Amino acid sequence: KKAAKLLVSLITSNIAPEYFWSTLLL
């Protein structure tokens, strides 16, 4: 649950570079 909450915050923050979005989503 904590891991999911943190991952979602990283996705919604939009600070990830383009090449890393695939890794975050998968």
mmCIF file of all heavy atoms, coordinates in Angstrom:
data_MODEL
# 
_entry.id   MODEL 
# 
loop_
_atom_site.group_PDB 
_atom_site.id 
_atom_site.type_symbol 
_atom_site.label_atom_id 
_atom_site.label_alt_id 
_atom_site.label_comp_id 
_atom_site.label_asym_id 
_atom_site.label_entity_id 
_atom_site.label_seq_id 
_atom_site.pdbx_PDB_ins_code 
_atom_site.Cartn_x 
_atom_site.Cartn_y 
_atom_site.Cartn_z 
_atom_site.occupancy 
_atom_site.B_iso_or_equiv 
_atom_site.pdbx_formal_charge 
_atom_site.auth_seq_id 
_atom_site.auth_comp_id 
_atom_site.auth_asym_id 
_atom_site.auth_atom_id 
_atom_site.pdbx_PDB_model_num 
ATOM 1   N N   . LYS A 1 1  ? 0.827  -1.208 0.000   1.00 0.00 ? 1  LYS A N   1 
ATOM 2   C CA  . LYS A 1 1  ? 0.000  0.000  0.000   1.00 0.00 ? 1  LYS A CA  1 
ATOM 3   C C   . LYS A 1 1  ? 0.866  1.265  0.000   1.00 0.00 ? 1  LYS A C   1 
ATOM 4   O O   . LYS A 1 1  ? 0.605  2.210  -0.748  1.00 0.00 ? 1  LYS A O   1 
ATOM 5   C CB  . LYS A 1 1  ? -0.931 -0.003 1.204   1.00 0.00 ? 1  LYS A CB  1 
ATOM 6   C CG  . LYS A 1 1  ? -2.097 -0.972 1.065   1.00 0.00 ? 1  LYS A CG  1 
ATOM 7   C CD  . LYS A 1 1  ? -3.098 -0.784 2.186   1.00 0.00 ? 1  LYS A CD  1 
ATOM 8   C CE  . LYS A 1 1  ? -4.304 -1.709 1.990   1.00 0.00 ? 1  LYS A CE  1 
ATOM 9   N NZ  . LYS A 1 1  ? -5.333 -1.526 3.035   1.00 0.00 ? 1  LYS A NZ  1 
ATOM 10  N N   . LYS A 1 2  ? 1.919  1.283  0.847   1.00 0.00 ? 2  LYS A N   1 
ATOM 11  C CA  . LYS A 1 2  ? 2.823  2.434  0.871   1.00 0.00 ? 2  LYS A CA  1 
ATOM 12  C C   . LYS A 1 2  ? 3.581  2.567  -0.442  1.00 0.00 ? 2  LYS A C   1 
ATOM 13  O O   . LYS A 1 2  ? 3.773  3.676  -0.961  1.00 0.00 ? 2  LYS A O   1 
ATOM 14  C CB  . LYS A 1 2  ? 3.808  2.310  2.030   1.00 0.00 ? 2  LYS A CB  1 
ATOM 15  C CG  . LYS A 1 2  ? 3.169  2.438  3.405   1.00 0.00 ? 2  LYS A CG  1 
ATOM 16  C CD  . LYS A 1 2  ? 4.231  2.350  4.484   1.00 0.00 ? 2  LYS A CD  1 
ATOM 17  C CE  . LYS A 1 2  ? 3.620  2.514  5.883   1.00 0.00 ? 2  LYS A CE  1 
ATOM 18  N NZ  . LYS A 1 2  ? 4.635  2.428  6.946   1.00 0.00 ? 2  LYS A NZ  1 
ATOM 19  N N   . ALA A 1 3  ? 3.987  1.418  -1.000  1.00 0.00 ? 3  ALA A N   1 
ATOM 20  C CA  . ALA A 1 3  ? 4.704  1.443  -2.269  1.00 0.00 ? 3  ALA A CA  1 
ATOM 21  C C   . ALA A 1 3  ? 3.817  1.986  -3.376  1.00 0.00 ? 3  ALA A C   1 
ATOM 22  O O   . ALA A 1 3  ? 4.248  2.798  -4.211  1.00 0.00 ? 3  ALA A O   1 
ATOM 23  C CB  . ALA A 1 3  ? 5.204  0.041  -2.610  1.00 0.00 ? 3  ALA A CB  1 
ATOM 24  N N   . ALA A 1 4  ? 2.542  1.550  -3.384  1.00 0.00 ? 4  ALA A N   1 
ATOM 25  C CA  . ALA A 1 4  ? 1.610  2.017  -4.410  1.00 0.00 ? 4  ALA A CA  1 
ATOM 26  C C   . ALA A 1 4  ? 1.361  3.509  -4.284  1.00 0.00 ? 4  ALA A C   1 
ATOM 27  O O   . ALA A 1 4  ? 1.344  4.241  -5.286  1.00 0.00 ? 4  ALA A O   1 
ATOM 28  C CB  . ALA A 1 4  ? 0.299  1.240  -4.302  1.00 0.00 ? 4  ALA A CB  1 
ATOM 29  N N   . LYS A 1 5  ? 1.185  3.978  -3.078  1.00 0.00 ? 5  LYS A N   1 
ATOM 30  C CA  . LYS A 1 5  ? 0.938  5.409  -2.867  1.00 0.00 ? 5  LYS A CA  1 
ATOM 31  C C   . LYS A 1 5  ? 2.120  6.249  -3.349  1.00 0.00 ? 5  LYS A C   1 
ATOM 32  O O   . LYS A 1 5  ? 1.945  7.303  -3.985  1.00 0.00 ? 5  LYS A O   1 
ATOM 33  C CB  . LYS A 1 5  ? 0.677  5.656  -1.384  1.00 0.00 ? 5  LYS A CB  1 
ATOM 34  C CG  . LYS A 1 5  ? 0.244  7.081  -1.063  1.00 0.00 ? 5  LYS A CG  1 
ATOM 35  C CD  . LYS A 1 5  ? -0.123 7.196  0.394   1.00 0.00 ? 5  LYS A CD  1 
ATOM 36  C CE  . LYS A 1 5  ? -0.606 8.589  0.739   1.00 0.00 ? 5  LYS A CE  1 
ATOM 37  N NZ  . LYS A 1 5  ? -1.821 8.983  -0.010  1.00 0.00 ? 5  LYS A NZ  1 
ATOM 38  N N   . LEU A 1 6  ? 3.335  5.769  -3.066  1.00 0.00 ? 6  LEU A N   1 
ATOM 39  C CA  . LEU A 1 6  ? 4.531  6.499  -3.490  1.00 0.00 ? 6  LEU A CA  1 
ATOM 40  C C   . LEU A 1 6  ? 4.674  6.482  -5.003  1.00 0.00 ? 6  LEU A C   1 
ATOM 41  O O   . LEU A 1 6  ? 4.998  7.499  -5.629  1.00 0.00 ? 6  LEU A O   1 
ATOM 42  C CB  . LEU A 1 6  ? 5.773  5.885  -2.825  1.00 0.00 ? 6  LEU A CB  1 
ATOM 43  C CG  . LEU A 1 6  ? 7.116  6.539  -3.147  1.00 0.00 ? 6  LEU A CG  1 
ATOM 44  C CD1 . LEU A 1 6  ? 7.094  8.016  -2.818  1.00 0.00 ? 6  LEU A CD1 1 
ATOM 45  C CD2 . LEU A 1 6  ? 8.242  5.840  -2.393  1.00 0.00 ? 6  LEU A CD2 1 
ATOM 46  N N   . LEU A 1 7  ? 4.395  5.320  -5.634  1.00 0.00 ? 7  LEU A N   1 
ATOM 47  C CA  . LEU A 1 7  ? 4.520  5.221  -7.084  1.00 0.00 ? 7  LEU A CA  1 
ATOM 48  C C   . LEU A 1 7  ? 3.510  6.130  -7.789  1.00 0.00 ? 7  LEU A C   1 
ATOM 49  O O   . LEU A 1 7  ? 3.851  6.809  -8.772  1.00 0.00 ? 7  LEU A O   1 
ATOM 50  C CB  . LEU A 1 7  ? 4.333  3.772  -7.523  1.00 0.00 ? 7  LEU A CB  1 
ATOM 51  C CG  . LEU A 1 7  ? 4.483  3.497  -9.018  1.00 0.00 ? 7  LEU A CG  1 
ATOM 52  C CD1 . LEU A 1 7  ? 5.876  3.896  -9.498  1.00 0.00 ? 7  LEU A CD1 1 
ATOM 53  C CD2 . LEU A 1 7  ? 4.210  2.020  -9.325  1.00 0.00 ? 7  LEU A CD2 1 
ATOM 54  N N   . VAL A 1 8  ? 2.307  6.168  -7.277  1.00 0.00 ? 8  VAL A N   1 
ATOM 55  C CA  . VAL A 1 8  ? 1.286  7.023  -7.875  1.00 0.00 ? 8  VAL A CA  1 
ATOM 56  C C   . VAL A 1 8  ? 1.685  8.492  -7.755  1.00 0.00 ? 8  VAL A C   1 
ATOM 57  O O   . VAL A 1 8  ? 1.495  9.287  -8.685  1.00 0.00 ? 8  VAL A O   1 
ATOM 58  C CB  . VAL A 1 8  ? -0.091 6.765  -7.236  1.00 0.00 ? 8  VAL A CB  1 
ATOM 59  C CG1 . VAL A 1 8  ? -1.114 7.801  -7.701  1.00 0.00 ? 8  VAL A CG1 1 
ATOM 60  C CG2 . VAL A 1 8  ? -0.576 5.374  -7.581  1.00 0.00 ? 8  VAL A CG2 1 
ATOM 61  N N   . SER A 1 9  ? 2.270  8.864  -6.615  1.00 0.00 ? 9  SER A N   1 
ATOM 62  C CA  . SER A 1 9  ? 2.698  10.263 -6.452  1.00 0.00 ? 9  SER A CA  1 
ATOM 63  C C   . SER A 1 9  ? 3.804  10.619 -7.432  1.00 0.00 ? 9  SER A C   1 
ATOM 64  O O   . SER A 1 9  ? 3.864  11.750 -7.933  1.00 0.00 ? 9  SER A O   1 
ATOM 65  C CB  . SER A 1 9  ? 3.160  10.500 -5.012  1.00 0.00 ? 9  SER A CB  1 
ATOM 66  O OG  . SER A 1 9  ? 4.358  9.780  -4.742  1.00 0.00 ? 9  SER A OG  1 
ATOM 67  N N   . LEU A 1 10 ? 4.683  9.655  -7.740  1.00 0.00 ? 10 LEU A N   1 
ATOM 68  C CA  . LEU A 1 10 ? 5.734  9.907  -8.724  1.00 0.00 ? 10 LEU A CA  1 
ATOM 69  C C   . LEU A 1 10 ? 5.146  10.072 -10.121 1.00 0.00 ? 10 LEU A C   1 
ATOM 70  O O   . LEU A 1 10 ? 5.609  10.902 -10.918 1.00 0.00 ? 10 LEU A O   1 
ATOM 71  C CB  . LEU A 1 10 ? 6.754  8.763  -8.722  1.00 0.00 ? 10 LEU A CB  1 
ATOM 72  C CG  . LEU A 1 10 ? 7.633  8.625  -7.475  1.00 0.00 ? 10 LEU A CG  1 
ATOM 73  C CD1 . LEU A 1 10 ? 8.551  7.412  -7.592  1.00 0.00 ? 10 LEU A CD1 1 
ATOM 74  C CD2 . LEU A 1 10 ? 8.464  9.882  -7.248  1.00 0.00 ? 10 LEU A CD2 1 
ATOM 75  N N   . ILE A 1 11 ? 4.101  9.271  -10.429 1.00 0.00 ? 11 ILE A N   1 
ATOM 76  C CA  . ILE A 1 11 ? 3.478  9.357  -11.752 1.00 0.00 ? 11 ILE A CA  1 
ATOM 77  C C   . ILE A 1 11 ? 2.736  10.678 -11.919 1.00 0.00 ? 11 ILE A C   1 
ATOM 78  O O   . ILE A 1 11 ? 2.833  11.354 -12.944 1.00 0.00 ? 11 ILE A O   1 
ATOM 79  C CB  . ILE A 1 11 ? 2.540  8.154  -11.970 1.00 0.00 ? 11 ILE A CB  1 
ATOM 80  C CG1 . ILE A 1 11 ? 3.360  6.854  -12.045 1.00 0.00 ? 11 ILE A CG1 1 
ATOM 81  C CG2 . ILE A 1 11 ? 1.699  8.332  -13.230 1.00 0.00 ? 11 ILE A CG2 1 
ATOM 82  C CD1 . ILE A 1 11 ? 2.522  5.594  -12.095 1.00 0.00 ? 11 ILE A CD1 1 
ATOM 83  N N   . THR A 1 12 ? 1.997  11.058 -10.913 1.00 0.00 ? 12 THR A N   1 
ATOM 84  C CA  . THR A 1 12 ? 1.177  12.268 -11.021 1.00 0.00 ? 12 THR A CA  1 
ATOM 85  C C   . THR A 1 12 ? 1.977  13.557 -10.864 1.00 0.00 ? 12 THR A C   1 
ATOM 86  O O   . THR A 1 12 ? 1.484  14.640 -11.178 1.00 0.00 ? 12 THR A O   1 
ATOM 87  C CB  . THR A 1 12 ? 0.061  12.228 -9.965  1.00 0.00 ? 12 THR A CB  1 
ATOM 88  O OG1 . THR A 1 12 ? 0.663  12.096 -8.659  1.00 0.00 ? 12 THR A OG1 1 
ATOM 89  C CG2 . THR A 1 12 ? -0.885 11.071 -10.213 1.00 0.00 ? 12 THR A CG2 1 
ATOM 90  N N   . SER A 1 13 ? 3.232  13.472 -10.346 1.00 0.00 ? 13 SER A N   1 
ATOM 91  C CA  . SER A 1 13 ? 4.036  14.686 -10.159 1.00 0.00 ? 13 SER A CA  1 
ATOM 92  C C   . SER A 1 13 ? 4.599  15.232 -11.466 1.00 0.00 ? 13 SER A C   1 
ATOM 93  O O   . SER A 1 13 ? 5.006  16.392 -11.535 1.00 0.00 ? 13 SER A O   1 
ATOM 94  C CB  . SER A 1 13 ? 5.185  14.400 -9.190  1.00 0.00 ? 13 SER A CB  1 
ATOM 95  O OG  . SER A 1 13 ? 6.078  13.443 -9.761  1.00 0.00 ? 13 SER A OG  1 
ATOM 96  N N   . ASN A 1 14 ? 4.658  14.346 -12.495 1.00 0.00 ? 14 ASN A N   1 
ATOM 97  C CA  . ASN A 1 14 ? 5.150  14.750 -13.822 1.00 0.00 ? 14 ASN A CA  1 
ATOM 98  C C   . ASN A 1 14 ? 6.600  15.255 -13.815 1.00 0.00 ? 14 ASN A C   1 
ATOM 99  O O   . ASN A 1 14 ? 6.971  16.121 -14.611 1.00 0.00 ? 14 ASN A O   1 
ATOM 100 C CB  . ASN A 1 14 ? 4.256  15.835 -14.431 1.00 0.00 ? 14 ASN A CB  1 
ATOM 101 C CG  . ASN A 1 14 ? 2.910  15.293 -14.864 1.00 0.00 ? 14 ASN A CG  1 
ATOM 102 O OD1 . ASN A 1 14 ? 2.828  14.163 -15.351 1.00 0.00 ? 14 ASN A OD1 1 
ATOM 103 N ND2 . ASN A 1 14 ? 1.870  16.071 -14.665 1.00 0.00 ? 14 ASN A ND2 1 
ATOM 104 N N   . ILE A 1 15 ? 7.429  14.737 -12.877 1.00 0.00 ? 15 ILE A N   1 
ATOM 105 C CA  . ILE A 1 15 ? 8.841  15.144 -12.860 1.00 0.00 ? 15 ILE A CA  1 
ATOM 106 C C   . ILE A 1 15 ? 9.733  14.128 -13.572 1.00 0.00 ? 15 ILE A C   1 
ATOM 107 O O   . ILE A 1 15 ? 10.927 14.358 -13.735 1.00 0.00 ? 15 ILE A O   1 
ATOM 108 C CB  . ILE A 1 15 ? 9.348  15.339 -11.417 1.00 0.00 ? 15 ILE A CB  1 
ATOM 109 C CG1 . ILE A 1 15 ? 9.263  14.029 -10.620 1.00 0.00 ? 15 ILE A CG1 1 
ATOM 110 C CG2 . ILE A 1 15 ? 8.597  16.464 -10.728 1.00 0.00 ? 15 ILE A CG2 1 
ATOM 111 C CD1 . ILE A 1 15 ? 9.874  14.120 -9.243  1.00 0.00 ? 15 ILE A CD1 1 
ATOM 112 N N   . ALA A 1 16 ? 9.150  13.000 -13.999 1.00 0.00 ? 16 ALA A N   1 
ATOM 113 C CA  . ALA A 1 16 ? 9.946  11.962 -14.655 1.00 0.00 ? 16 ALA A CA  1 
ATOM 114 C C   . ALA A 1 16 ? 10.291 12.380 -16.077 1.00 0.00 ? 16 ALA A C   1 
ATOM 115 O O   . ALA A 1 16 ? 9.463  12.967 -16.780 1.00 0.00 ? 16 ALA A O   1 
ATOM 116 C CB  . ALA A 1 16 ? 9.191  10.643 -14.656 1.00 0.00 ? 16 ALA A CB  1 
ATOM 117 N N   . PRO A 1 17 ? 11.500 12.095 -16.539 1.00 0.00 ? 17 PRO A N   1 
ATOM 118 C CA  . PRO A 1 17 ? 11.841 12.373 -17.942 1.00 0.00 ? 17 PRO A CA  1 
ATOM 119 C C   . PRO A 1 17 ? 11.097 11.423 -18.879 1.00 0.00 ? 17 PRO A C   1 
ATOM 120 O O   . PRO A 1 17 ? 10.603 10.373 -18.458 1.00 0.00 ? 17 PRO A O   1 
ATOM 121 C CB  . PRO A 1 17 ? 13.355 12.139 -17.984 1.00 0.00 ? 17 PRO A CB  1 
ATOM 122 C CG  . PRO A 1 17 ? 13.636 11.224 -16.845 1.00 0.00 ? 17 PRO A CG  1 
ATOM 123 C CD  . PRO A 1 17 ? 12.640 11.541 -15.785 1.00 0.00 ? 17 PRO A CD  1 
ATOM 124 N N   . GLU A 1 18 ? 11.036 11.757 -20.144 1.00 0.00 ? 18 GLU A N   1 
ATOM 125 C CA  . GLU A 1 18 ? 10.247 10.996 -21.114 1.00 0.00 ? 18 GLU A CA  1 
ATOM 126 C C   . GLU A 1 18 ? 10.666 9.533  -21.177 1.00 0.00 ? 18 GLU A C   1 
ATOM 127 O O   . GLU A 1 18 ? 9.830  8.646  -21.254 1.00 0.00 ? 18 GLU A O   1 
ATOM 128 C CB  . GLU A 1 18 ? 10.382 11.640 -22.498 1.00 0.00 ? 18 GLU A CB  1 
ATOM 129 C CG  . GLU A 1 18 ? 9.660  12.972 -22.642 1.00 0.00 ? 18 GLU A CG  1 
ATOM 130 C CD  . GLU A 1 18 ? 8.150  12.807 -22.499 1.00 0.00 ? 18 GLU A CD  1 
ATOM 131 O OE1 . GLU A 1 18 ? 7.629  11.740 -22.887 1.00 0.00 ? 18 GLU A OE1 1 
ATOM 132 O OE2 . GLU A 1 18 ? 7.508  13.734 -21.990 1.00 0.00 ? 18 GLU A OE2 1 
ATOM 133 N N   . TYR A 1 19 ? 12.001 9.290  -21.166 1.00 0.00 ? 19 TYR A N   1 
ATOM 134 C CA  . TYR A 1 19 ? 12.473 7.920  -21.325 1.00 0.00 ? 19 TYR A CA  1 
ATOM 135 C C   . TYR A 1 19 ? 12.144 7.027  -20.131 1.00 0.00 ? 19 TYR A C   1 
ATOM 136 O O   . TYR A 1 19 ? 12.259 5.807  -20.210 1.00 0.00 ? 19 TYR A O   1 
ATOM 137 C CB  . TYR A 1 19 ? 13.985 7.901  -21.582 1.00 0.00 ? 19 TYR A CB  1 
ATOM 138 C CG  . TYR A 1 19 ? 14.805 8.486  -20.443 1.00 0.00 ? 19 TYR A CG  1 
ATOM 139 C CD1 . TYR A 1 19 ? 15.146 7.714  -19.331 1.00 0.00 ? 19 TYR A CD1 1 
ATOM 140 C CD2 . TYR A 1 19 ? 15.244 9.806  -20.480 1.00 0.00 ? 19 TYR A CD2 1 
ATOM 141 C CE1 . TYR A 1 19 ? 15.895 8.249  -18.293 1.00 0.00 ? 19 TYR A CE1 1 
ATOM 142 C CE2 . TYR A 1 19 ? 15.990 10.347 -19.453 1.00 0.00 ? 19 TYR A CE2 1 
ATOM 143 C CZ  . TYR A 1 19 ? 16.309 9.567  -18.356 1.00 0.00 ? 19 TYR A CZ  1 
ATOM 144 O OH  . TYR A 1 19 ? 17.034 10.090 -17.322 1.00 0.00 ? 19 TYR A OH  1 
ATOM 145 N N   . PHE A 1 20 ? 11.730 7.629  -19.013 1.00 0.00 ? 20 PHE A N   1 
ATOM 146 C CA  . PHE A 1 20 ? 11.482 6.829  -17.802 1.00 0.00 ? 20 PHE A CA  1 
ATOM 147 C C   . PHE A 1 20 ? 9.992  6.561  -17.572 1.00 0.00 ? 20 PHE A C   1 
ATOM 148 O O   . PHE A 1 20 ? 9.644  5.815  -16.666 1.00 0.00 ? 20 PHE A O   1 
ATOM 149 C CB  . PHE A 1 20 ? 12.085 7.552  -16.590 1.00 0.00 ? 20 PHE A CB  1 
ATOM 150 C CG  . PHE A 1 20 ? 12.304 6.664  -15.400 1.00 0.00 ? 20 PHE A CG  1 
ATOM 151 C CD1 . PHE A 1 20 ? 13.216 5.630  -15.453 1.00 0.00 ? 20 PHE A CD1 1 
ATOM 152 C CD2 . PHE A 1 20 ? 11.593 6.852  -14.220 1.00 0.00 ? 20 PHE A CD2 1 
ATOM 153 C CE1 . PHE A 1 20 ? 13.425 4.802  -14.361 1.00 0.00 ? 20 PHE A CE1 1 
ATOM 154 C CE2 . PHE A 1 20 ? 11.802 6.037  -13.121 1.00 0.00 ? 20 PHE A CE2 1 
ATOM 155 C CZ  . PHE A 1 20 ? 12.721 4.998  -13.196 1.00 0.00 ? 20 PHE A CZ  1 
ATOM 156 N N   . TRP A 1 21 ? 9.114  7.153  -18.394 1.00 0.00 ? 21 TRP A N   1 
ATOM 157 C CA  . TRP A 1 21 ? 7.685  6.959  -18.174 1.00 0.00 ? 21 TRP A CA  1 
ATOM 158 C C   . TRP A 1 21 ? 7.276  5.505  -18.370 1.00 0.00 ? 21 TRP A C   1 
ATOM 159 O O   . TRP A 1 21 ? 6.410  4.990  -17.645 1.00 0.00 ? 21 TRP A O   1 
ATOM 160 C CB  . TRP A 1 21 ? 6.872  7.865  -19.103 1.00 0.00 ? 21 TRP A CB  1 
ATOM 161 C CG  . TRP A 1 21 ? 6.632  9.213  -18.508 1.00 0.00 ? 21 TRP A CG  1 
ATOM 162 C CD1 . TRP A 1 21 ? 7.245  10.373 -18.816 1.00 0.00 ? 21 TRP A CD1 1 
ATOM 163 C CD2 . TRP A 1 21 ? 5.690  9.518  -17.477 1.00 0.00 ? 21 TRP A CD2 1 
ATOM 164 N NE1 . TRP A 1 21 ? 6.779  11.408 -18.047 1.00 0.00 ? 21 TRP A NE1 1 
ATOM 165 C CE2 . TRP A 1 21 ? 5.806  10.908 -17.202 1.00 0.00 ? 21 TRP A CE2 1 
ATOM 166 C CE3 . TRP A 1 21 ? 4.769  8.768  -16.744 1.00 0.00 ? 21 TRP A CE3 1 
ATOM 167 C CZ2 . TRP A 1 21 ? 5.033  11.552 -16.247 1.00 0.00 ? 21 TRP A CZ2 1 
ATOM 168 C CZ3 . TRP A 1 21 ? 3.988  9.415  -15.784 1.00 0.00 ? 21 TRP A CZ3 1 
ATOM 169 C CH2 . TRP A 1 21 ? 4.131  10.788 -15.538 1.00 0.00 ? 21 TRP A CH2 1 
ATOM 170 N N   . SER A 1 22 ? 7.834  4.838  -19.323 1.00 0.00 ? 22 SER A N   1 
ATOM 171 C CA  . SER A 1 22 ? 7.476  3.433  -19.550 1.00 0.00 ? 22 SER A CA  1 
ATOM 172 C C   . SER A 1 22 ? 7.783  2.582  -18.329 1.00 0.00 ? 22 SER A C   1 
ATOM 173 O O   . SER A 1 22 ? 6.992  1.706  -17.949 1.00 0.00 ? 22 SER A O   1 
ATOM 174 C CB  . SER A 1 22 ? 8.227  2.899  -20.773 1.00 0.00 ? 22 SER A CB  1 
ATOM 175 O OG  . SER A 1 22 ? 9.630  2.991  -20.570 1.00 0.00 ? 22 SER A OG  1 
ATOM 176 N N   . THR A 1 23 ? 8.928  2.851  -17.680 1.00 0.00 ? 23 THR A N   1 
ATOM 177 C CA  . THR A 1 23 ? 9.298  2.089  -16.481 1.00 0.00 ? 23 THR A CA  1 
ATOM 178 C C   . THR A 1 23 ? 8.323  2.363  -15.340 1.00 0.00 ? 23 THR A C   1 
ATOM 179 O O   . THR A 1 23 ? 7.878  1.437  -14.644 1.00 0.00 ? 23 THR A O   1 
ATOM 180 C CB  . THR A 1 23 ? 10.730 2.455  -16.056 1.00 0.00 ? 23 THR A CB  1 
ATOM 181 O OG1 . THR A 1 23 ? 11.622 2.203  -17.139 1.00 0.00 ? 23 THR A OG1 1 
ATOM 182 C CG2 . THR A 1 23 ? 11.161 1.642  -14.852 1.00 0.00 ? 23 THR A CG2 1 
ATOM 183 N N   . LEU A 1 24 ? 7.992  3.633  -15.141 1.00 0.00 ? 24 LEU A N   1 
ATOM 184 C CA  . LEU A 1 24 ? 7.058  3.978  -14.059 1.00 0.00 ? 24 LEU A CA  1 
ATOM 185 C C   . LEU A 1 24 ? 5.688  3.340  -14.271 1.00 0.00 ? 24 LEU A C   1 
ATOM 186 O O   . LEU A 1 24 ? 5.090  2.769  -13.339 1.00 0.00 ? 24 LEU A O   1 
ATOM 187 C CB  . LEU A 1 24 ? 6.915  5.497  -13.961 1.00 0.00 ? 24 LEU A CB  1 
ATOM 188 C CG  . LEU A 1 24 ? 8.026  6.284  -13.263 1.00 0.00 ? 24 LEU A CG  1 
ATOM 189 C CD1 . LEU A 1 24 ? 7.699  7.771  -13.287 1.00 0.00 ? 24 LEU A CD1 1 
ATOM 190 C CD2 . LEU A 1 24 ? 8.218  5.816  -11.831 1.00 0.00 ? 24 LEU A CD2 1 
ATOM 191 N N   . LEU A 1 25 ? 5.173  3.401  -15.498 1.00 0.00 ? 25 LEU A N   1 
ATOM 192 C CA  . LEU A 1 25 ? 3.836  2.850  -15.764 1.00 0.00 ? 25 LEU A CA  1 
ATOM 193 C C   . LEU A 1 25 ? 3.814  1.337  -15.637 1.00 0.00 ? 25 LEU A C   1 
ATOM 194 O O   . LEU A 1 25 ? 2.868  0.767  -15.072 1.00 0.00 ? 25 LEU A O   1 
ATOM 195 C CB  . LEU A 1 25 ? 3.383  3.278  -17.157 1.00 0.00 ? 25 LEU A CB  1 
ATOM 196 C CG  . LEU A 1 25 ? 3.068  4.779  -17.316 1.00 0.00 ? 25 LEU A CG  1 
ATOM 197 C CD1 . LEU A 1 25 ? 2.837  5.130  -18.771 1.00 0.00 ? 25 LEU A CD1 1 
ATOM 198 C CD2 . LEU A 1 25 ? 1.864  5.171  -16.463 1.00 0.00 ? 25 LEU A CD2 1 
ATOM 199 N N   . LEU A 1 26 ? 4.843  0.677  -16.131 1.00 0.00 ? 26 LEU A N   1 
ATOM 200 C CA  . LEU A 1 26 ? 4.869  -0.785 -16.048 1.00 0.00 ? 26 LEU A CA  1 
ATOM 201 C C   . LEU A 1 26 ? 5.081  -1.271 -14.622 1.00 0.00 ? 26 LEU A C   1 
ATOM 202 O O   . LEU A 1 26 ? 4.698  -2.409 -14.289 1.00 0.00 ? 26 LEU A O   1 
ATOM 203 C CB  . LEU A 1 26 ? 5.961  -1.337 -16.967 1.00 0.00 ? 26 LEU A CB  1 
ATOM 204 C CG  . LEU A 1 26 ? 5.701  -1.181 -18.477 1.00 0.00 ? 26 LEU A CG  1 
ATOM 205 C CD1 . LEU A 1 26 ? 6.896  -1.657 -19.276 1.00 0.00 ? 26 LEU A CD1 1 
ATOM 206 C CD2 . LEU A 1 26 ? 4.443  -1.955 -18.892 1.00 0.00 ? 26 LEU A CD2 1 
# 
